[in-house]
Amino acid sequence: IPVNRGMLVSIYATLEDVCDAKQVLKDFYADDKFVRIKDKPVTIKDTSGTNYCDIFVEQNGNSIFISSSIDNLLRGASTQAVVNANLMCEYEEDLGISKIAYVP
């Protein structure tokens, strides 16, 4: 695949107990500004140039499929350092993140 940046992960799992996996993820990430639970399969293009992690869940009984997409150049150590500095200084978590240069 011709991709300049980004990672797409596919996960298949079997749950011990049947639960609404999508709702569990929505509840877990409810306060996270950079995680989006999507209703359709995710693509690298959806997160390219952003600090978002998009997650899609499909479930059939106790079998689940999860796909996740990130821009690995923006969700790396340097962006995480900016987020951590923002939190330590009691600034908004996303301060300066949306203004990061996007190349290529």
N, C-alpha and C. Protein backbone atom coordinates (compact mmCIF):
# COMPACT_ATOMS: atom_id res chain seq x y z
N ILE A 1 0.86 -1.17 0.00
CA ILE A 1 0.00 0.00 0.00
C ILE A 1 0.91 1.24 0.00
N PRO A 2 0.65 2.20 -0.85
CA PRO A 2 1.43 3.44 -0.81
C PRO A 2 0.96 4.35 0.32
N VAL A 3 1.67 4.33 1.44
CA VAL A 3 1.30 5.11 2.61
C VAL A 3 2.51 5.91 3.08
N ASN A 4 2.35 7.22 3.24
CA ASN A 4 3.43 8.05 3.74
C ASN A 4 3.55 7.98 5.25
N ARG A 5 2.43 7.85 5.91
CA ARG A 5 2.41 7.89 7.37
C ARG A 5 1.16 7.19 7.85
N GLY A 6 1.22 6.67 9.06
CA GLY A 6 0.03 6.08 9.66
C GLY A 6 0.17 4.60 9.92
N MET A 7 -0.65 4.12 10.86
CA MET A 7 -0.68 2.71 11.21
C MET A 7 -2.14 2.27 11.30
N LEU A 8 -2.40 1.08 10.80
CA LEU A 8 -3.72 0.48 10.89
C LEU A 8 -3.55 -0.87 11.56
N VAL A 9 -4.27 -1.08 12.64
CA VAL A 9 -4.16 -2.31 13.42
C VAL A 9 -5.47 -3.07 13.35
N SER A 10 -5.40 -4.39 13.17
CA SER A 10 -6.58 -5.26 13.19
C SER A 10 -6.41 -6.26 14.32
N ILE A 11 -7.44 -6.36 15.16
CA ILE A 11 -7.39 -7.25 16.32
C ILE A 11 -8.62 -8.15 16.30
N TYR A 12 -8.40 -9.43 16.44
CA TYR A 12 -9.49 -10.39 16.58
C TYR A 12 -9.38 -10.99 17.96
N ALA A 13 -10.50 -11.09 18.68
CA ALA A 13 -10.46 -11.62 20.04
C ALA A 13 -11.77 -12.34 20.37
N THR A 14 -11.67 -13.22 21.34
CA THR A 14 -12.84 -13.91 21.87
C THR A 14 -12.98 -13.49 23.33
N LEU A 15 -14.14 -12.95 23.68
CA LEU A 15 -14.40 -12.50 25.04
C LEU A 15 -14.81 -13.67 25.92
N GLU A 16 -14.39 -13.65 27.17
CA GLU A 16 -14.83 -14.69 28.11
C GLU A 16 -16.31 -14.52 28.42
N ASP A 17 -16.73 -13.27 28.60
CA ASP A 17 -18.13 -12.97 28.89
C ASP A 17 -18.65 -12.05 27.80
N VAL A 18 -19.87 -12.29 27.37
CA VAL A 18 -20.47 -11.44 26.36
C VAL A 18 -20.83 -10.09 26.98
N CYS A 19 -20.38 -9.02 26.35
CA CYS A 19 -20.71 -7.67 26.78
C CYS A 19 -20.77 -6.82 25.52
N ASP A 20 -21.20 -5.60 25.65
CA ASP A 20 -21.22 -4.68 24.52
C ASP A 20 -19.85 -4.02 24.45
N ALA A 21 -18.95 -4.61 23.67
CA ALA A 21 -17.56 -4.15 23.61
C ALA A 21 -17.46 -2.70 23.15
N LYS A 22 -18.30 -2.31 22.21
CA LYS A 22 -18.26 -0.93 21.73
C LYS A 22 -18.63 0.04 22.85
N GLN A 23 -19.63 -0.30 23.63
CA GLN A 23 -20.04 0.56 24.74
C GLN A 23 -18.96 0.62 25.82
N VAL A 24 -18.31 -0.51 26.06
CA VAL A 24 -17.21 -0.53 27.03
C VAL A 24 -16.11 0.44 26.60
N LEU A 25 -15.76 0.43 25.31
CA LEU A 25 -14.73 1.35 24.81
C LEU A 25 -15.21 2.80 24.86
N LYS A 26 -16.47 3.03 24.51
CA LYS A 26 -17.02 4.39 24.58
C LYS A 26 -16.94 4.93 26.01
N ASP A 27 -17.30 4.11 26.98
CA ASP A 27 -17.26 4.53 28.38
C ASP A 27 -15.81 4.77 28.83
N PHE A 28 -14.91 3.87 28.43
CA PHE A 28 -13.52 3.97 28.86
C PHE A 28 -12.85 5.24 28.31
N TYR A 29 -13.14 5.57 27.05
CA TYR A 29 -12.50 6.72 26.40
C TYR A 29 -13.37 7.97 26.38
N ALA A 30 -14.42 8.00 27.16
CA ALA A 30 -15.37 9.12 27.13
C ALA A 30 -14.71 10.48 27.36
N ASP A 31 -13.71 10.54 28.20
CA ASP A 31 -13.07 11.82 28.52
C ASP A 31 -11.77 12.05 27.76
N ASP A 32 -11.44 11.18 26.82
CA ASP A 32 -10.19 11.31 26.07
C ASP A 32 -10.45 12.11 24.79
N LYS A 33 -9.81 13.26 24.68
CA LYS A 33 -10.02 14.15 23.53
C LYS A 33 -9.50 13.57 22.23
N PHE A 34 -8.57 12.64 22.30
CA PHE A 34 -7.90 12.18 21.10
C PHE A 34 -8.31 10.78 20.65
N VAL A 35 -9.30 10.18 21.29
CA VAL A 35 -9.78 8.86 20.88
C VAL A 35 -11.22 8.99 20.42
N ARG A 36 -11.47 8.46 19.22
CA ARG A 36 -12.82 8.49 18.66
C ARG A 36 -13.27 7.07 18.35
N ILE A 37 -14.43 6.68 18.89
CA ILE A 37 -15.02 5.39 18.59
C ILE A 37 -15.93 5.61 17.39
N LYS A 38 -15.64 4.90 16.30
CA LYS A 38 -16.33 5.14 15.03
C LYS A 38 -17.39 4.07 14.76
N ASP A 39 -18.37 4.44 13.93
CA ASP A 39 -19.43 3.52 13.55
C ASP A 39 -19.15 2.78 12.25
N LYS A 40 -18.09 3.17 11.55
CA LYS A 40 -17.72 2.49 10.31
C LYS A 40 -16.24 2.15 10.36
N PRO A 41 -15.79 1.19 9.56
CA PRO A 41 -14.37 0.83 9.58
C PRO A 41 -13.47 2.05 9.37
N VAL A 42 -12.36 2.06 10.08
CA VAL A 42 -11.44 3.21 10.04
C VAL A 42 -10.39 3.02 8.95
N THR A 43 -9.82 4.14 8.51
CA THR A 43 -8.75 4.10 7.53
C THR A 43 -7.61 4.98 8.01
N ILE A 44 -6.45 4.77 7.45
CA ILE A 44 -5.29 5.61 7.78
C ILE A 44 -5.58 7.06 7.40
N LYS A 45 -6.26 7.25 6.30
CA LYS A 45 -6.56 8.61 5.82
C LYS A 45 -7.39 9.39 6.84
N ASP A 46 -8.23 8.71 7.62
CA ASP A 46 -9.07 9.38 8.62
C ASP A 46 -8.26 10.06 9.71
N THR A 47 -7.08 9.54 10.01
CA THR A 47 -6.29 10.09 11.11
C THR A 47 -5.00 10.76 10.65
N SER A 48 -4.72 10.71 9.37
CA SER A 48 -3.49 11.31 8.85
C SER A 48 -3.46 12.81 9.13
N GLY A 49 -2.39 13.28 9.73
CA GLY A 49 -2.25 14.69 10.06
C GLY A 49 -2.96 15.10 11.33
N THR A 50 -3.41 14.13 12.12
CA THR A 50 -4.11 14.43 13.37
C THR A 50 -3.45 13.68 14.53
N ASN A 51 -3.86 14.00 15.73
CA ASN A 51 -3.41 13.28 16.91
C ASN A 51 -4.47 12.29 17.38
N TYR A 52 -5.45 12.00 16.53
CA TYR A 52 -6.54 11.10 16.91
C TYR A 52 -6.15 9.63 16.76
N CYS A 53 -6.77 8.83 17.59
CA CYS A 53 -6.77 7.38 17.45
C CYS A 53 -8.22 7.01 17.20
N ASP A 54 -8.51 6.51 16.00
CA ASP A 54 -9.87 6.08 15.66
C ASP A 54 -9.99 4.59 15.89
N ILE A 55 -11.10 4.17 16.50
CA ILE A 55 -11.33 2.77 16.82
C ILE A 55 -12.69 2.35 16.30
N PHE A 56 -12.73 1.20 15.64
CA PHE A 56 -13.97 0.61 15.15
C PHE A 56 -14.10 -0.78 15.76
N VAL A 57 -15.29 -1.12 16.23
CA VAL A 57 -15.54 -2.43 16.84
C VAL A 57 -16.71 -3.09 16.14
N GLU A 58 -16.52 -4.36 15.79
CA GLU A 58 -17.61 -5.17 15.25
C GLU A 58 -17.69 -6.41 16.13
N GLN A 59 -18.91 -6.76 16.54
CA GLN A 59 -19.07 -7.84 17.51
C GLN A 59 -20.15 -8.80 17.05
N ASN A 60 -19.87 -10.10 17.26
CA ASN A 60 -20.85 -11.15 17.01
C ASN A 60 -20.77 -12.10 18.20
N GLY A 61 -21.68 -11.92 19.15
CA GLY A 61 -21.64 -12.72 20.38
C GLY A 61 -20.41 -12.38 21.18
N ASN A 62 -19.58 -13.40 21.44
CA ASN A 62 -18.36 -13.13 22.19
C ASN A 62 -17.12 -12.97 21.30
N SER A 63 -17.33 -12.96 19.98
CA SER A 63 -16.23 -12.71 19.05
C SER A 63 -16.23 -11.24 18.64
N ILE A 64 -15.06 -10.61 18.71
CA ILE A 64 -14.99 -9.20 18.33
C ILE A 64 -13.84 -8.97 17.35
N PHE A 65 -14.04 -7.96 16.52
CA PHE A 65 -13.01 -7.46 15.62
C PHE A 65 -12.85 -5.98 15.93
N ILE A 66 -11.62 -5.55 16.16
CA ILE A 66 -11.33 -4.15 16.43
C ILE A 66 -10.30 -3.68 15.41
N SER A 67 -10.56 -2.54 14.79
CA SER A 67 -9.53 -1.92 13.96
C SER A 67 -9.28 -0.53 14.51
N SER A 68 -8.03 -0.13 14.44
CA SER A 68 -7.62 1.16 14.99
C SER A 68 -6.63 1.81 14.04
N SER A 69 -6.73 3.13 13.93
CA SER A 69 -5.86 3.88 13.03
C SER A 69 -5.27 5.08 13.76
N ILE A 70 -3.97 5.31 13.55
CA ILE A 70 -3.31 6.51 14.08
C ILE A 70 -2.34 7.05 13.03
N ASP A 71 -1.98 8.31 13.19
CA ASP A 71 -0.87 8.88 12.44
C ASP A 71 0.33 8.72 13.36
N ASN A 72 1.18 7.75 13.07
CA ASN A 72 2.28 7.43 13.98
C ASN A 72 3.33 8.54 14.07
N LEU A 73 3.32 9.49 13.15
CA LEU A 73 4.26 10.60 13.25
C LEU A 73 3.77 11.64 14.25
N LEU A 74 2.46 11.75 14.43
CA LEU A 74 1.93 12.73 15.38
C LEU A 74 1.64 12.12 16.75
N ARG A 75 1.41 10.84 16.81
CA ARG A 75 1.14 10.23 18.11
C ARG A 75 2.41 9.65 18.72
N GLY A 76 3.54 10.13 18.27
CA GLY A 76 4.82 9.65 18.77
C GLY A 76 5.27 10.37 20.02
N ALA A 77 6.53 10.20 20.34
CA ALA A 77 7.09 10.71 21.59
C ALA A 77 7.05 12.23 21.69
N SER A 78 7.31 12.93 20.60
CA SER A 78 7.37 14.40 20.70
C SER A 78 5.99 14.99 20.98
N THR A 79 4.96 14.48 20.32
CA THR A 79 3.61 14.99 20.59
C THR A 79 3.17 14.60 21.99
N GLN A 80 3.53 13.39 22.43
CA GLN A 80 3.19 12.98 23.79
C GLN A 80 3.88 13.89 24.81
N ALA A 81 5.09 14.34 24.50
CA ALA A 81 5.80 15.26 25.39
C ALA A 81 5.05 16.59 25.50
N VAL A 82 4.50 17.07 24.38
CA VAL A 82 3.72 18.32 24.41
C VAL A 82 2.47 18.12 25.26
N VAL A 83 1.77 17.01 25.07
CA VAL A 83 0.57 16.72 25.87
C VAL A 83 0.93 16.66 27.35
N ASN A 84 2.01 15.96 27.70
CA ASN A 84 2.43 15.85 29.10
C ASN A 84 2.79 17.21 29.69
N ALA A 85 3.50 18.03 28.92
CA ALA A 85 3.85 19.38 29.39
C ALA A 85 2.59 20.21 29.63
N ASN A 86 1.63 20.10 28.72
CA ASN A 86 0.36 20.81 28.89
C ASN A 86 -0.32 20.39 30.20
N LEU A 87 -0.37 19.10 30.45
CA LEU A 87 -1.03 18.61 31.66
C LEU A 87 -0.28 19.04 32.92
N MET A 88 1.05 18.99 32.87
CA MET A 88 1.85 19.40 34.04
C MET A 88 1.67 20.89 34.34
N CYS A 89 1.49 21.70 33.31
CA CYS A 89 1.32 23.15 33.49
C CYS A 89 -0.15 23.54 33.65
N GLU A 90 -1.02 22.53 33.71
CA GLU A 90 -2.46 22.72 33.87
C GLU A 90 -3.08 23.51 32.72
N TYR A 91 -2.53 23.29 31.50
CA TYR A 91 -3.13 23.83 30.29
C TYR A 91 -4.08 22.79 29.71
N GLU A 92 -4.84 23.20 28.71
CA GLU A 92 -5.68 22.24 28.00
C GLU A 92 -4.78 21.17 27.37
N GLU A 93 -5.21 19.93 27.45
CA GLU A 93 -4.41 18.80 26.96
C GLU A 93 -4.02 18.96 25.49
N ASP A 94 -4.91 19.55 24.69
CA ASP A 94 -4.67 19.63 23.25
C ASP A 94 -4.05 20.95 22.79
N LEU A 95 -3.61 21.78 23.73
CA LEU A 95 -3.02 23.07 23.38
C LEU A 95 -1.79 22.86 22.48
N GLY A 96 -1.82 23.46 21.30
CA GLY A 96 -0.71 23.37 20.36
C GLY A 96 -0.70 22.12 19.51
N ILE A 97 -1.49 21.14 19.85
CA ILE A 97 -1.49 19.89 19.09
C ILE A 97 -2.14 20.06 17.72
N SER A 98 -3.22 20.80 17.65
CA SER A 98 -3.92 20.96 16.37
C SER A 98 -3.15 21.86 15.40
N LYS A 99 -2.12 22.53 15.87
CA LYS A 99 -1.34 23.45 15.02
C LYS A 99 -0.04 22.83 14.53
N ILE A 100 0.14 21.54 14.74
CA ILE A 100 1.37 20.89 14.32
C ILE A 100 1.43 20.84 12.80
N ALA A 101 2.61 21.12 12.25
CA ALA A 101 2.79 21.10 10.79
C ALA A 101 2.55 19.70 10.24
N TYR A 102 1.93 19.64 9.09
CA TYR A 102 1.61 18.37 8.46
C TYR A 102 2.42 18.22 7.18
N VAL A 103 3.49 17.44 7.24
CA VAL A 103 4.31 17.16 6.07
C VAL A 103 4.71 15.71 6.15
N PRO A 104 4.61 14.89 5.20
CA PRO A 104 4.08 15.08 3.86
C PRO A 104 2.59 14.98 3.87
